[in-house]
């Protein structure tokens, strides 16, 4: 059961298929299943998820400082992820634990992950590929929201208080920033010259 390849052969373009997602969920339990849901619904890196404490979750969103980028993000939780998190007894420690109730080491988690994928018959995709899968989901969700967005005149004003970014735009920007084919073209603007000069001229910003 292999993954989907999008836009070319690069690792970052590989996505988990719906069939793979369902197979993994059907054959996994406990902390490894919750780790999968956290990665799929938040797009965060393995290291950040393994070290994430319960205090980062407030029942509606997850707030964290990313280890690699030092960016502070707020991740609204989906209904599916909320149900999974609320079903787990909270402790003073981290959210994700192994069978012994202890925090995973990186090597220990990778070993448990490989075994879970083997049980589910999932091949050709990695834990890291869930980042791209989450980004694709968020991009699709944002596109639907834009179609339903009210006109600018009726839109409420944004609050300018916090430096914490919502995750949808941030994760998509991070995921696609290295893709030359998806870079936005430079904007152009027209400058009207005074009478007697040349006609309109287009310049690059």
Protein backbone atom coordinates (compact mmCIF):
# COMPACT_ATOMS: atom_id res chain seq x y z
CA UNK A 1 0.00 0.00 0.00
CA UNK A 2 2.06 2.92 -1.32
CA UNK A 3 1.66 6.67 -0.91
CA UNK A 4 0.62 9.28 -3.44
CA UNK A 5 3.30 11.26 -5.28
CA UNK A 6 2.40 14.89 -6.06
CA UNK A 7 4.03 17.20 -8.61
CA UNK A 8 7.24 15.23 -9.04
CA UNK A 9 9.54 12.82 -7.32
CA UNK A 10 10.80 14.82 -4.34
CA UNK A 11 10.30 13.36 -0.85
CA UNK A 12 8.37 16.45 0.23
CA UNK A 13 5.77 15.75 -2.45
CA UNK A 14 4.72 12.35 -1.07
CA UNK A 15 1.35 12.17 0.66
CA UNK A 16 -0.41 9.52 2.71
CA UNK A 17 -3.43 8.23 0.81
CA UNK A 18 -6.85 8.01 2.46
CA UNK A 19 -6.57 4.22 2.36
CA UNK A 20 -3.24 4.32 4.20
CA UNK A 21 -4.64 6.65 6.85
CA UNK A 22 -7.59 4.37 7.50
CA UNK A 23 -5.42 1.24 7.58
CA UNK A 24 -3.05 2.79 10.12
CA UNK A 25 -5.90 3.92 12.36
CA UNK A 26 -7.51 0.48 12.18
CA UNK A 27 -4.33 -1.32 13.28
CA UNK A 28 -2.89 1.07 15.87
CA UNK A 29 -3.79 1.92 19.45
CA UNK A 30 -2.61 4.02 22.36
CA UNK A 31 0.18 6.54 22.06
CA UNK A 32 1.25 5.58 18.54
CA UNK A 33 -2.30 6.14 17.24
CA UNK A 34 -2.50 9.49 19.01
CA UNK A 35 0.89 10.47 17.55
CA UNK A 36 -0.46 9.74 14.07
CA UNK A 37 -3.55 11.89 14.66
CA UNK A 38 -1.51 14.75 16.10
CA UNK A 39 0.82 14.73 13.10
CA UNK A 40 -2.02 14.42 10.59
CA UNK A 41 -4.14 17.19 12.09
CA UNK A 42 -1.41 19.65 13.12
CA UNK A 43 1.47 19.07 10.69
CA UNK A 44 4.05 19.48 13.46
CA UNK A 45 7.43 17.77 13.46
CA UNK A 46 8.11 14.54 15.31
CA UNK A 47 10.43 16.14 17.87
CA UNK A 48 7.93 18.86 18.74
CA UNK A 49 5.12 16.33 19.15
CA UNK A 50 7.14 13.97 21.34
CA UNK A 51 8.09 16.80 23.71
CA UNK A 52 4.65 18.48 23.75
CA UNK A 53 3.27 18.77 27.32
CA UNK A 54 -0.41 18.55 28.21
CA UNK A 55 -0.40 22.20 29.25
CA UNK A 56 0.01 23.09 25.56
CA UNK A 57 -3.56 21.86 24.94
CA UNK A 58 -6.44 24.00 26.24
CA UNK A 59 -9.35 22.00 24.85
CA UNK A 60 -9.65 24.07 21.68
CA UNK A 61 -6.13 24.53 20.37
CA UNK A 62 -2.51 23.59 20.86
CA UNK A 63 0.11 26.28 21.44
CA UNK A 64 3.79 25.56 21.09
CA UNK A 65 7.17 26.95 20.17
CA UNK A 66 8.66 24.97 17.29
CA UNK A 67 12.08 23.56 18.09
CA UNK A 68 13.57 24.00 14.63
CA UNK A 69 12.25 27.46 13.71
CA UNK A 70 11.55 28.91 17.21
CA UNK A 71 8.21 30.08 15.76
CA UNK A 72 5.28 30.24 18.16
CA UNK A 73 2.16 28.70 16.66
CA UNK A 74 -1.43 28.11 17.67
CA UNK A 75 -3.01 25.06 16.12
CA UNK A 76 -6.82 24.84 16.31
CA UNK A 77 -7.73 21.21 16.95
CA UNK A 78 -10.20 19.40 14.71
CA UNK A 79 -13.18 17.51 16.12
CA UNK A 80 -11.45 14.18 15.48
CA UNK A 81 -8.25 15.22 17.22
CA UNK A 82 -10.14 16.77 20.14
CA UNK A 83 -12.05 13.54 20.71
CA UNK A 84 -8.80 11.57 20.75
CA UNK A 85 -7.06 13.98 23.14
CA UNK A 86 -10.02 14.25 25.51
CA UNK A 87 -10.19 10.46 25.79
CA UNK A 88 -6.68 10.32 27.29
CA UNK A 89 -6.17 11.09 31.01
CA UNK A 90 -4.01 14.20 31.34
CA UNK A 91 -0.82 14.10 33.38
CA UNK A 92 1.79 16.70 34.39
CA UNK A 93 4.07 15.33 31.67
CA UNK A 94 3.99 15.00 27.90
CA UNK A 95 0.98 14.03 25.78
CA UNK A 96 2.61 11.16 23.90
CA UNK A 97 3.83 8.19 25.94
CA UNK A 98 4.78 4.58 25.25
CA UNK A 99 3.15 1.46 26.68
CA UNK A 100 4.89 2.00 30.00
CA UNK A 101 3.45 5.51 30.30
CA UNK A 102 6.85 7.10 29.76
CA UNK A 103 7.97 9.70 27.26
CA UNK A 104 9.36 8.19 24.07
CA UNK A 105 12.96 8.56 23.06
CA UNK A 106 13.43 9.39 19.38
CA UNK A 107 14.82 5.90 18.66
CA UNK A 108 12.09 4.22 20.67
CA UNK A 109 9.38 6.08 18.80
CA UNK A 110 10.86 5.25 15.41
CA UNK A 111 10.95 1.57 16.35
CA UNK A 112 7.32 1.62 17.50
CA UNK A 113 6.32 3.53 14.37
CA UNK A 114 7.94 0.98 12.04
CA UNK A 115 6.15 -1.87 13.80
CA UNK A 116 2.79 -0.05 13.59
CA UNK A 117 3.24 0.57 9.86
CA UNK A 118 4.13 -3.10 9.32
CA UNK A 119 0.99 -4.24 11.15
CA UNK A 120 -1.12 -1.90 9.02
CA UNK A 121 0.59 -2.89 5.77
CA UNK A 122 1.53 0.74 5.11
CA UNK A 123 4.57 1.17 2.86
CA UNK A 124 6.25 3.94 0.91
CA UNK A 125 5.42 6.74 3.36
CA UNK A 126 7.05 8.01 6.53
CA UNK A 127 6.03 9.93 9.64
CA UNK A 128 7.59 13.02 8.08
CA UNK A 129 5.27 12.68 5.06
CA UNK A 130 2.35 13.43 7.36
CA UNK A 131 3.57 17.04 7.38
CA UNK A 132 2.92 17.38 3.67
CA UNK A 133 -0.37 15.50 4.01
CA UNK A 134 -1.49 17.94 6.70
CA UNK A 135 -0.39 20.91 4.59
CA UNK A 136 -2.45 19.67 1.65
CA UNK A 137 -5.50 19.25 3.89
CA UNK A 138 -5.10 22.73 5.34
CA UNK A 139 -4.61 24.27 1.92
CA UNK A 140 -7.82 22.63 0.70
CA UNK A 141 -9.66 23.75 3.83
CA UNK A 142 -8.44 27.33 3.42
CA UNK A 143 -9.53 27.33 -0.22
CA UNK A 144 -13.06 26.34 0.82
CA UNK A 145 -13.10 29.05 3.48
CA UNK A 146 -12.04 31.68 0.95
CA UNK A 147 -14.96 30.73 -1.28
CA UNK A 148 -17.32 31.24 1.67
CA UNK A 149 -15.57 34.35 3.03
CA UNK A 150 -17.76 37.47 3.42
CA UNK A 151 -17.02 40.60 1.42
CA UNK A 152 -14.27 42.88 2.72
CA UNK A 153 -16.78 45.52 3.79
CA UNK A 154 -18.56 43.06 6.08
CA UNK A 155 -15.46 41.28 7.33
CA UNK A 156 -14.56 41.79 11.02
CA UNK A 157 -11.25 43.53 11.69
CA UNK A 158 -8.32 41.33 12.73
CA UNK A 159 -6.85 41.65 16.20
CA UNK A 160 -3.25 42.89 16.15
CA UNK A 161 -2.32 41.63 19.62
CA UNK A 162 -0.29 38.46 19.37
CA UNK A 163 2.77 37.23 17.53
CA UNK A 164 1.37 33.71 17.57
CA UNK A 165 0.41 32.67 14.03
CA UNK A 166 -2.43 30.42 13.06
CA UNK A 167 -0.99 27.25 11.65
CA UNK A 168 -2.81 26.96 8.30
CA UNK A 169 -0.92 29.69 6.46
CA UNK A 170 2.34 29.05 8.29
CA UNK A 171 2.57 25.33 7.62
CA UNK A 172 1.67 25.70 3.95
CA UNK A 173 4.21 28.49 3.50
CA UNK A 174 6.93 26.39 5.19
CA UNK A 175 6.10 23.31 3.18
CA UNK A 176 6.02 24.94 -0.23
CA UNK A 177 8.60 27.70 0.15
CA UNK A 178 11.33 25.59 -1.48
CA UNK A 179 9.23 24.73 -4.53
CA UNK A 180 10.21 26.99 -7.48
CA UNK A 181 7.08 26.01 -9.39
CA UNK A 182 4.87 27.48 -6.66
CA UNK A 183 6.65 30.80 -6.13
CA UNK A 184 4.41 33.78 -6.69
CA UNK A 185 5.28 35.95 -9.69
CA UNK A 186 6.47 39.45 -8.95
CA UNK A 187 3.71 42.02 -8.94
CA UNK A 188 3.75 44.82 -11.49
CA UNK A 189 2.35 48.31 -11.26
CA UNK A 190 1.65 50.98 -13.77
CA UNK A 191 3.17 54.43 -13.41
CA UNK A 192 1.56 57.29 -15.29
CA UNK A 193 4.10 59.80 -16.59
CA UNK A 194 3.37 63.55 -16.75
CA UNK A 195 2.06 64.95 -19.99
CA UNK A 196 4.73 65.34 -22.60
CA UNK A 197 6.60 62.30 -21.33
CA UNK A 198 6.33 58.68 -22.34
CA UNK A 199 3.18 56.68 -22.06
CA UNK A 200 2.37 54.35 -19.17
CA UNK A 201 5.30 52.20 -18.11
CA UNK A 202 5.19 48.95 -16.22
CA UNK A 203 7.83 48.39 -13.57
CA UNK A 204 8.58 45.52 -11.25
CA UNK A 205 8.21 46.02 -7.50
